[in-house]
Amino acid sequence: QVQLVESGGGLVQAGGSLTLSCAASGTIFSINVMGWYRQAPGKQRELVADITSEGSTNYADSVKGRFTISRDNAKNTVYLRMNSLKPEDTAVYYCKAERKALSVRYYYWGQGTQVTVSS
């Protein structure tokens, strides 16, 4: 099992910045991909960014150039630095971890952290 604990959400004005953190614990040795997803009211959960254990990153088009995902493998923590925030970035942000064991993939989610961007 993997436990994910997110922190860093809050209320910020448009144009501001926030950094989200997600700390993993438990069976973490085989985690390969960690990422951030978000879900706005009435919308489906969507990928924001993810990062592999080797450091390869992937971003949603809507956040490219504004958000940066990074990972500290020693601390088992993934970060999402969000700059130039827009009201449309308002959502609950969830951390996700993918663990692979014997060709089987397991997925874990954090509890979510609210990000609200005021105009």
C-alpha atoms as a PDB file:
ATOM      1  CA  GLN A   1       0.000   0.000   0.000  1.00  0.00           C
ATOM      2  CA  VAL A   2       1.005   3.577  -0.627  1.00  0.00           C
ATOM      3  CA  GLN A   3      -0.257   6.555   1.320  1.00  0.00           C
ATOM      4  CA  LEU A   4      -0.195  10.023  -0.227  1.00  0.00           C
ATOM      5  CA  VAL A   5      -0.553  13.217   1.759  1.00  0.00           C
ATOM      6  CA  GLU A   6      -0.966  16.497  -0.091  1.00  0.00           C
ATOM      7  CA  SER A   7      -0.407  19.989   1.230  1.00  0.00           C
ATOM      8  CA  GLY A   8      -0.024  23.538  -0.015  1.00  0.00           C
ATOM      9  CA  GLY A   9      -3.430  24.393  -1.388  1.00  0.00           C
ATOM     10  CA  GLY A  10      -5.202  27.617  -0.585  1.00  0.00           C
ATOM     11  CA  LEU A  11      -6.674  30.842  -1.857  1.00  0.00           C
ATOM     12  CA  VAL A  12      -4.625  33.061  -4.150  1.00  0.00           C
ATOM     13  CA  GLN A  13      -5.309  35.978  -6.451  1.00  0.00           C
ATOM     14  CA  ALA A  14      -5.039  35.634 -10.196  1.00  0.00           C
ATOM     15  CA  GLY A  15      -1.435  35.963 -11.278  1.00  0.00           C
ATOM     16  CA  GLY A  16      -0.185  34.559  -7.996  1.00  0.00           C
ATOM     17  CA  SER A  17       1.704  31.378  -7.218  1.00  0.00           C
ATOM     18  CA  LEU A  18       1.320  28.285  -5.073  1.00  0.00           C
ATOM     19  CA  THR A  19       3.372  25.166  -4.526  1.00  0.00           C
ATOM     20  CA  LEU A  20       1.690  21.855  -3.801  1.00  0.00           C
ATOM     21  CA  SER A  21       3.518  18.977  -2.123  1.00  0.00           C
ATOM     22  CA  CYS A  22       2.683  15.288  -2.017  1.00  0.00           C
ATOM     23  CA  ALA A  23       4.552  12.990   0.326  1.00  0.00           C
ATOM     24  CA  ALA A  24       4.407   9.240  -0.257  1.00  0.00           C
ATOM     25  CA  SER A  25       4.827   6.580   2.388  1.00  0.00           C
ATOM     26  CA  GLY A  26       4.361   2.841   2.611  1.00  0.00           C
ATOM     27  CA  THR A  27       5.413   0.529  -0.225  1.00  0.00           C
ATOM     28  CA  ILE A  28       7.211   3.229  -2.140  1.00  0.00           C
ATOM     29  CA  PHE A  29      10.202   1.415  -3.590  1.00  0.00           C
ATOM     30  CA  SER A  30       8.441   0.478  -6.827  1.00  0.00           C
ATOM     31  CA  ILE A  31       6.629   3.767  -7.480  1.00  0.00           C
ATOM     32  CA  ASN A  32       7.467   4.810 -11.015  1.00  0.00           C
ATOM     33  CA  VAL A  33       5.106   7.644 -11.930  1.00  0.00           C
ATOM     34  CA  MET A  34       3.743  10.369  -9.691  1.00  0.00           C
ATOM     35  CA  GLY A  35       1.451  13.072 -10.855  1.00  0.00           C
ATOM     36  CA  TRP A  36      -1.105  15.747 -10.159  1.00  0.00           C
ATOM     37  CA  TYR A  37      -4.680  15.729 -11.351  1.00  0.00           C
ATOM     38  CA  ARG A  38      -7.430  18.250 -10.743  1.00  0.00           C
ATOM     39  CA  GLN A  39     -11.179  18.275 -10.683  1.00  0.00           C
ATOM     40  CA  ALA A  40     -13.288  21.401 -10.921  1.00  0.00           C
ATOM     41  CA  PRO A  41     -16.970  21.395  -9.920  1.00  0.00           C
ATOM     42  CA  GLY A  42     -19.068  19.705 -12.577  1.00  0.00           C
ATOM     43  CA  LYS A  43     -16.048  18.585 -14.553  1.00  0.00           C
ATOM     44  CA  GLN A  44     -14.113  15.369 -14.941  1.00  0.00           C
ATOM     45  CA  ARG A  45     -10.821  14.817 -13.228  1.00  0.00           C
ATOM     46  CA  GLU A  46      -7.976  15.704 -15.573  1.00  0.00           C
ATOM     47  CA  LEU A  47      -4.237  15.257 -15.678  1.00  0.00           C
ATOM     48  CA  VAL A  48      -2.236  18.356 -14.819  1.00  0.00           C
ATOM     49  CA  ALA A  49       1.285  16.942 -14.890  1.00  0.00           C
ATOM     50  CA  ASP A  50       3.197  13.804 -14.117  1.00  0.00           C
ATOM     51  CA  ILE A  51       6.797  12.754 -13.684  1.00  0.00           C
ATOM     52  CA  THR A  52       8.577   9.425 -13.866  1.00  0.00           C
ATOM     53  CA  SER A  53      11.195   8.184 -11.432  1.00  0.00           C
ATOM     54  CA  GLU A  54      13.790   9.096 -14.086  1.00  0.00           C
ATOM     55  CA  GLY A  55      12.515  12.653 -14.251  1.00  0.00           C
ATOM     56  CA  SER A  56      10.575  12.637 -17.518  1.00  0.00           C
ATOM     57  CA  THR A  57       7.671  15.048 -17.330  1.00  0.00           C
ATOM     58  CA  ASN A  58       4.344  15.466 -19.057  1.00  0.00           C
ATOM     59  CA  TYR A  59       2.022  18.491 -18.841  1.00  0.00           C
ATOM     60  CA  ALA A  60      -1.488  19.360 -19.857  1.00  0.00           C
ATOM     61  CA  ASP A  61      -1.498  22.002 -22.585  1.00  0.00           C
ATOM     62  CA  SER A  62      -3.434  24.366 -20.332  1.00  0.00           C
ATOM     63  CA  VAL A  63      -0.606  24.571 -17.785  1.00  0.00           C
ATOM     64  CA  LYS A  64       2.502  24.367 -19.966  1.00  0.00           C
ATOM     65  CA  GLY A  65       4.845  27.236 -19.252  1.00  0.00           C
ATOM     66  CA  ARG A  66       3.089  28.080 -15.978  1.00  0.00           C
ATOM     67  CA  PHE A  67       3.328  24.923 -13.853  1.00  0.00           C
ATOM     68  CA  THR A  68       6.412  22.886 -13.029  1.00  0.00           C
ATOM     69  CA  ILE A  69       6.390  19.391 -11.577  1.00  0.00           C
ATOM     70  CA  SER A  70       9.410  18.089  -9.733  1.00  0.00           C
ATOM     71  CA  ARG A  71      10.280  15.112  -7.624  1.00  0.00           C
ATOM     72  CA  ASP A  72      12.611  14.442  -4.723  1.00  0.00           C
ATOM     73  CA  ASN A  73      13.127  10.690  -4.708  1.00  0.00           C
ATOM     74  CA  ALA A  74      15.086  10.818  -1.451  1.00  0.00           C
ATOM     75  CA  LYS A  75      12.096  12.410   0.288  1.00  0.00           C
ATOM     76  CA  ASN A  76       9.508  10.457  -1.710  1.00  0.00           C
ATOM     77  CA  THR A  77       7.835  13.747  -2.461  1.00  0.00           C
ATOM     78  CA  VAL A  78       6.489  15.323  -5.617  1.00  0.00           C
ATOM     79  CA  TYR A  79       5.899  19.047  -5.999  1.00  0.00           C
ATOM     80  CA  LEU A  80       3.810  21.195  -8.285  1.00  0.00           C
ATOM     81  CA  ARG A  81       4.885  24.781  -8.604  1.00  0.00           C
ATOM     82  CA  MET A  82       2.038  26.828 -10.042  1.00  0.00           C
ATOM     83  CA  ASN A  83       2.764  30.308 -11.390  1.00  0.00           C
ATOM     84  CA  SER A  84       0.567  32.842 -13.166  1.00  0.00           C
ATOM     85  CA  LEU A  85      -2.522  31.219 -11.725  1.00  0.00           C
ATOM     86  CA  LYS A  86      -5.858  31.833 -13.411  1.00  0.00           C
ATOM     87  CA  PRO A  87      -9.400  31.535 -12.051  1.00  0.00           C
ATOM     88  CA  GLU A  88      -9.878  28.524 -14.319  1.00  0.00           C
ATOM     89  CA  ASP A  89      -7.155  26.724 -12.342  1.00  0.00           C
ATOM     90  CA  THR A  90      -9.563  26.578  -9.417  1.00  0.00           C
ATOM     91  CA  ALA A  91     -10.112  22.924  -8.534  1.00  0.00           C
ATOM     92  CA  VAL A  92      -9.358  20.198  -6.052  1.00  0.00           C
ATOM     93  CA  TYR A  93      -5.881  18.937  -6.840  1.00  0.00           C
ATOM     94  CA  TYR A  94      -5.121  15.276  -6.295  1.00  0.00           C
ATOM     95  CA  CYS A  95      -1.800  13.500  -6.128  1.00  0.00           C
ATOM     96  CA  LYS A  96      -1.568  10.118  -7.828  1.00  0.00           C
ATOM     97  CA  ALA A  97       1.099   7.442  -7.646  1.00  0.00           C
ATOM     98  CA  GLU A  98       1.572   4.475  -9.915  1.00  0.00           C
ATOM     99  CA  ARG A  99       3.391   1.431  -8.574  1.00  0.00           C
ATOM    100  CA  LYS A 100       4.390  -1.513 -10.686  1.00  0.00           C
ATOM    101  CA  ALA A 101       4.944  -4.972  -9.232  1.00  0.00           C
ATOM    102  CA  LEU A 102       5.293  -8.171 -11.242  1.00  0.00           C
ATOM    103  CA  SER A 103       3.807  -6.524 -14.353  1.00  0.00           C
ATOM    104  CA  VAL A 104       0.766  -5.381 -12.378  1.00  0.00           C
ATOM    105  CA  ARG A 105       0.138  -1.664 -11.991  1.00  0.00           C
ATOM    106  CA  TYR A 106      -1.376  -0.222  -8.838  1.00  0.00           C
ATOM    107  CA  TYR A 107      -2.752   3.284  -8.524  1.00  0.00           C
ATOM    108  CA  TYR A 108      -3.083   5.363  -5.389  1.00  0.00           C
ATOM    109  CA  TRP A 109      -4.698   8.730  -4.767  1.00  0.00           C
ATOM    110  CA  GLY A 110      -4.297  11.382  -2.135  1.00  0.00           C
ATOM    111  CA  GLN A 111      -7.220  13.013  -0.396  1.00  0.00           C
ATOM    112  CA  GLY A 112      -7.029  16.203  -2.464  1.00  0.00           C
ATOM    113  CA  THR A 113      -6.223  19.797  -1.673  1.00  0.00           C
ATOM    114  CA  GLN A 114      -8.335  22.790  -2.702  1.00  0.00           C
ATOM    115  CA  VAL A 115      -6.839  25.506  -4.870  1.00  0.00           C
ATOM    116  CA  THR A 116      -8.965  28.605  -5.352  1.00  0.00           C
ATOM    117  CA  VAL A 117      -7.877  31.435  -7.628  1.00  0.00           C
ATOM    118  CA  SER A 118      -9.817  34.671  -7.301  1.00  0.00           C
ATOM    119  CA  SER A 119     -10.139  37.138 -10.152  1.00  0.00           C
END
